[in-house]
Amino acid sequence: MSSIRPSTEVPSPGGDDPAPPIRRPATGRAVLVLVLVAAAAVIPLLGPFAALDGTGEAAAPGVTGVALLRTVLFAALCVQAGEPFAARLVRRVPGAPSVDGPRSWSAYAPWAGFLAALGLASVVANGNLVPHTVSDLDIAGLYGTRDGTLALLEVNAFVVAALCARSRRPASALAPSAVVVVAEALRAHPPAEHTAYLGSALTVVHLTCAALWAGGLLHVVRTLRRWRTTAPGAGAALLGLYARVAAVLLAAVTATGVCSTLRRMPVSTVLDQLVTTAYGRTLLAKVLLVAVVSVFALAARRRLRHGDPGAACAPARGEVAVMGAVVAVSAVLTALPIPIRWS
């Protein structure tokens, strides 16, 4: 007699066909994360050369490395600022689960920012050139220059932020994060620049609002994913609360961005420089990406008003993805030559 092997297929309730394979959403999310990380790396690596092509402008040495490091630095800053901001919004949501929240990233983001700031400081220590050996670095020289002092200030601020994130009051990490914002604003506007302090003030507001907007949205979307089965009503309330605050942040980002652009590009030359300079081309790409983010945001809010919080999560996730590209393009913008202010 031949032996009968037991079937390993589970019959479906309505027939003899095997059951469909179990879906593995975690695999899809992992692939999506890898694609987004690759895109975030490609933009700073290839963006400067694409923007400079045909403009006749010369790129600074190591422009791709600087753009990549500043992308990591800006992303770390967004996570540090956005998580406490979003957590405060969560506490204002009626009936929000007290323990069912996403895992905090703010304890790890400062170390990524520290490594990026350390890499940027090494570039400054080598006379704004990419160092190839340790002997190229002039560490003591950092204390004697304005750029070197600001670079060291950012390195130390990220270390303090990492320690604060592990303390009993993780929200205290916002203080060193503010130091990084101010240092970045001062670095972007040297004293020789016309109305440098006004430019620094605009950059402080612009960078702060952008970090709260991007980082807060990331944490809100992660929270919605955790609440989609346990507290969908609270998730809808959180997204609506964030939307109202995000509208104010977007207005501030837009206003300060326009003012900063007009400081460097007078009205009569804006249209020309947007297509003929690397800075202008990158700025135009950033504006278009922000417009795409706004479209995703409007789609999510519209679905939310129609009483479909589950459907609102899809455009909100798209908003986060495009926002990551905005962060990378903003980093490229800081590494490109400043446009000539035509009279």
Foldseek 3Di string as FASTA:
>chain_A
DDDDDDDPFDADPPDRDGDDDDDDVVVVVVVVVVVLVVLLLCCLQCVLVVLAPPLPDDFQAPLSVQLSLQLLLLVLLLQLLAPVLLVVLLVVQPPRDPPLFDDRPNLPSLVSNLVSLVQCLQCVQQVVHRDDDPVSGDLVVLVVDLLSVLSVLSNVLSVVLNVCCPDPHNNVNVVSSLSNQLSVLPVLQDPVADPSVVSSVLSSLLSSLLSNLLNNLVRLLRGCVSCVPPPLPSSLVSLVVSLVVNVVSVVSNVVSVVVNLCSQEPPVCLVVCLRNGSLNVLVVVLVVLVVLLVVLSVVLVVCSVVVNNVVSSVSSVVSNSSSSVSSSSVSSSSRGDRDHHDD
